């Protein structure tokens, strides 16, 4: 069994390749994480073009500063998600502050409330994307298809007890979206925005 403080081998190799300036490494990283980055940015900003811009910024930052990733702090995926979140929140604050100044309406408290709401939503998306497929598929059936645990069990060809267990675990993970430092989620999500 691997030690908890040792990052996955792929993460370490990827960082080394990026530090050497291998363009192919950036392409692989993009292929692996672009949908995550774009999805998180879109969730925070609610704007396709702005999410495209954040996606570019994130991968430019990764390319120009590969050594800013510290494998001892966690997986590369979490670092990329945290970077995305930070840049998207900065953009949201800047655009909303400019809109407040132009319109003369709204308050700084309303802006912070909007930023926090967007952060929790992005964190929830990250949690769902990161959870094991069996939990995610049970939650998707229960939430999107409005299936109860019995119907979910039948759909997934599992016992009703297993369906309840998966739904309970999935909901417990999802409930951490409001926490400031929940396990398994990018640091900085929630409270430290």
Protein backbone atom coordinates (compact mmCIF):
# COMPACT_ATOMS: atom_id res chain seq x y z
CA UNK A 1 0.00 0.00 0.00
CA UNK A 2 1.32 3.47 -0.90
CA UNK A 3 2.11 6.10 1.68
CA UNK A 4 -0.39 8.94 1.91
CA UNK A 5 2.25 11.66 1.55
CA UNK A 6 3.66 10.18 -1.67
CA UNK A 7 1.93 11.61 -4.75
CA UNK A 8 0.86 9.27 -7.53
CA UNK A 9 3.64 8.37 -9.92
CA UNK A 10 1.83 9.98 -12.87
CA UNK A 11 1.67 13.32 -11.01
CA UNK A 12 5.40 13.32 -10.25
CA UNK A 13 6.35 12.31 -13.81
CA UNK A 14 4.03 14.92 -15.29
CA UNK A 15 5.53 17.67 -13.16
CA UNK A 16 9.05 16.62 -14.18
CA UNK A 17 8.09 16.59 -17.87
CA UNK A 18 6.47 20.01 -17.61
CA UNK A 19 9.54 21.38 -15.81
CA UNK A 20 11.69 20.10 -18.72
CA UNK A 21 9.42 22.01 -21.11
CA UNK A 22 7.88 19.01 -22.87
CA UNK A 23 5.00 20.36 -24.94
CA UNK A 24 3.56 16.83 -25.22
CA UNK A 25 3.20 16.78 -21.42
CA UNK A 26 1.08 19.93 -21.53
CA UNK A 27 -1.07 18.31 -24.21
CA UNK A 28 -1.59 15.22 -22.05
CA UNK A 29 -2.40 17.35 -19.03
CA UNK A 30 -4.86 19.37 -21.10
CA UNK A 31 -6.54 16.23 -22.41
CA UNK A 32 -6.87 14.89 -18.89
CA UNK A 33 -8.05 18.02 -17.07
CA UNK A 34 -9.50 20.51 -19.58
CA UNK A 35 -13.10 19.44 -19.01
CA UNK A 36 -12.63 19.67 -15.24
CA UNK A 37 -11.06 23.13 -15.52
CA UNK A 38 -13.66 24.45 -17.93
CA UNK A 39 -16.54 22.96 -15.93
CA UNK A 40 -15.36 24.47 -12.64
CA UNK A 41 -14.71 27.86 -14.24
CA UNK A 42 -18.12 27.82 -15.92
CA UNK A 43 -19.80 26.85 -12.66
CA UNK A 44 -18.23 29.82 -10.85
CA UNK A 45 -18.61 32.38 -13.65
CA UNK A 46 -21.74 31.20 -15.42
CA UNK A 47 -20.28 32.35 -18.72
CA UNK A 48 -18.90 30.15 -21.51
CA UNK A 49 -16.43 32.71 -22.88
CA UNK A 50 -15.14 33.61 -19.44
CA UNK A 51 -14.69 29.89 -18.67
CA UNK A 52 -12.73 29.51 -21.92
CA UNK A 53 -10.48 32.37 -20.80
CA UNK A 54 -9.90 30.83 -17.37
CA UNK A 55 -9.11 27.49 -18.99
CA UNK A 56 -6.43 29.18 -21.10
CA UNK A 57 -5.05 31.02 -18.06
CA UNK A 58 -4.83 27.85 -16.00
CA UNK A 59 -2.88 25.92 -18.62
CA UNK A 60 -0.64 28.91 -19.35
CA UNK A 61 0.13 29.13 -15.63
CA UNK A 62 0.85 25.39 -15.45
CA UNK A 63 3.16 25.66 -18.48
CA UNK A 64 4.99 28.73 -17.20
CA UNK A 65 5.16 27.68 -13.52
CA UNK A 66 5.25 23.87 -13.28
CA UNK A 67 7.35 24.08 -10.12
CA UNK A 68 4.53 25.85 -8.26
CA UNK A 69 2.89 22.42 -7.93
CA UNK A 70 4.10 20.74 -4.75
CA UNK A 71 3.39 16.99 -4.92
CA UNK A 72 3.54 16.78 -1.13
CA UNK A 73 0.45 19.00 -0.90
CA UNK A 74 -1.78 16.61 -2.83
CA UNK A 75 -2.66 15.30 -6.28
CA UNK A 76 -2.05 17.28 -9.45
CA UNK A 77 -5.80 17.16 -10.14
CA UNK A 78 -6.51 18.96 -6.87
CA UNK A 79 -3.83 21.58 -7.57
CA UNK A 80 -5.26 22.27 -11.03
CA UNK A 81 -8.81 22.49 -9.61
CA UNK A 82 -7.67 24.84 -6.85
CA UNK A 83 -5.83 27.04 -9.33
CA UNK A 84 -8.94 27.12 -11.53
CA UNK A 85 -11.13 28.04 -8.61
CA UNK A 86 -8.82 30.83 -7.47
CA UNK A 87 -8.58 32.37 -10.94
CA UNK A 88 -12.33 32.07 -11.56
CA UNK A 89 -13.19 33.70 -8.22
CA UNK A 90 -10.72 36.52 -8.95
CA UNK A 91 -12.38 37.07 -12.33
CA UNK A 92 -15.87 36.93 -10.78
CA UNK A 93 -14.94 39.48 -8.13
CA UNK A 94 -13.37 41.78 -10.70
CA UNK A 95 -16.29 41.66 -13.13
CA UNK A 96 -18.93 41.95 -10.42
CA UNK A 97 -17.10 44.83 -8.73
CA UNK A 98 -16.91 46.63 -12.07
CA UNK A 99 -20.63 45.99 -12.64
CA UNK A 100 -21.45 47.32 -9.17
CA UNK A 101 -19.44 50.46 -9.87
CA UNK A 102 -21.14 51.02 -13.26
CA UNK A 103 -24.65 50.39 -12.05
CA UNK A 104 -24.28 51.89 -8.62
CA UNK A 105 -26.42 49.08 -7.22
CA UNK A 106 -25.62 46.18 -4.98
CA UNK A 107 -23.21 45.93 -2.10
CA UNK A 108 -19.93 44.27 -1.34
CA UNK A 109 -21.86 41.85 0.88
CA UNK A 110 -24.04 40.80 -2.06
CA UNK A 111 -20.92 40.27 -4.15
CA UNK A 112 -19.32 38.08 -1.48
CA UNK A 113 -22.57 36.13 -1.14
CA UNK A 114 -22.57 35.51 -4.88
CA UNK A 115 -18.91 34.44 -4.81
CA UNK A 116 -19.55 32.04 -1.93
CA UNK A 117 -22.60 30.54 -3.67
CA UNK A 118 -20.55 30.02 -6.83
CA UNK A 119 -17.72 28.49 -4.80
CA UNK A 120 -20.01 26.01 -3.06
CA UNK A 121 -21.56 25.03 -6.40
CA UNK A 122 -18.13 24.53 -7.99
CA UNK A 123 -16.99 22.53 -4.97
CA UNK A 124 -20.09 20.31 -5.19
CA UNK A 125 -19.36 19.70 -8.88
CA UNK A 126 -15.77 18.77 -8.05
CA UNK A 127 -16.90 16.39 -5.31
CA UNK A 128 -19.39 14.65 -7.61
CA UNK A 129 -16.82 14.34 -10.41
CA UNK A 130 -14.25 12.94 -7.99
CA UNK A 131 -16.42 10.39 -6.22
CA UNK A 132 -16.24 6.73 -7.21
CA UNK A 133 -18.45 5.79 -10.15
CA UNK A 134 -20.79 3.52 -8.11
CA UNK A 135 -21.65 6.38 -5.73
CA UNK A 136 -21.99 8.88 -8.55
CA UNK A 137 -24.28 6.63 -10.60
CA UNK A 138 -26.54 6.00 -7.59
CA UNK A 139 -26.78 9.73 -6.84
CA UNK A 140 -27.45 10.59 -10.48
CA UNK A 141 -30.32 8.12 -10.61
CA UNK A 142 -31.78 9.35 -7.36
CA UNK A 143 -31.42 13.05 -8.16
CA UNK A 144 -31.78 13.46 -11.91
CA UNK A 145 -34.10 10.55 -12.59
CA UNK A 146 -36.02 10.94 -9.31
CA UNK A 147 -35.53 7.27 -8.42
CA UNK A 148 -35.89 6.03 -4.85
CA UNK A 149 -33.42 3.57 -3.34
CA UNK A 150 -35.48 0.55 -4.46
CA UNK A 151 -35.62 1.75 -8.07
CA UNK A 152 -31.93 2.67 -7.93
CA UNK A 153 -31.11 -0.84 -6.66
CA UNK A 154 -33.07 -2.40 -9.51
CA UNK A 155 -31.47 -0.08 -12.11
CA UNK A 156 -27.96 -0.86 -10.88
CA UNK A 157 -28.66 -4.55 -10.21
CA UNK A 158 -27.57 -4.26 -6.58
CA UNK A 159 -29.28 -4.98 -3.26
CA UNK A 160 -31.49 -2.35 -1.66
CA UNK A 161 -29.09 -2.19 1.29
CA UNK A 162 -26.21 -1.48 -1.09
CA UNK A 163 -28.25 1.22 -2.86
CA UNK A 164 -29.03 2.91 0.48
CA UNK A 165 -25.35 2.69 1.48
CA UNK A 166 -24.19 4.26 -1.80
CA UNK A 167 -26.76 7.03 -1.60
CA UNK A 168 -25.91 7.75 2.03
CA UNK A 169 -22.15 7.88 1.34
CA UNK A 170 -22.63 10.00 -1.77
CA UNK A 171 -24.82 12.47 0.11
CA UNK A 172 -22.35 12.59 3.00
CA UNK A 173 -19.58 13.49 0.58
CA UNK A 174 -21.76 16.06 -1.14
CA UNK A 175 -22.74 17.64 2.17
CA UNK A 176 -19.11 18.68 2.66
CA UNK A 177 -19.45 21.22 -0.16
CA UNK A 178 -20.19 23.87 2.48
CA UNK A 179 -17.24 22.87 4.68
CA UNK A 180 -14.07 24.92 4.46
CA UNK A 181 -11.64 22.01 4.44
CA UNK A 182 -13.54 18.86 3.61
CA UNK A 183 -11.60 15.68 2.91
CA UNK A 184 -11.06 14.90 -0.75
CA UNK A 185 -11.83 18.38 -2.03
CA UNK A 186 -9.45 21.05 -3.22
CA UNK A 187 -8.08 23.22 -0.43
CA UNK A 188 -9.41 26.74 -0.59
CA UNK A 189 -12.87 25.72 -1.69
CA UNK A 190 -15.67 26.88 0.53
CA UNK A 191 -14.38 29.20 3.21
CA UNK A 192 -11.02 30.34 1.87
CA UNK A 193 -12.10 31.96 -1.38
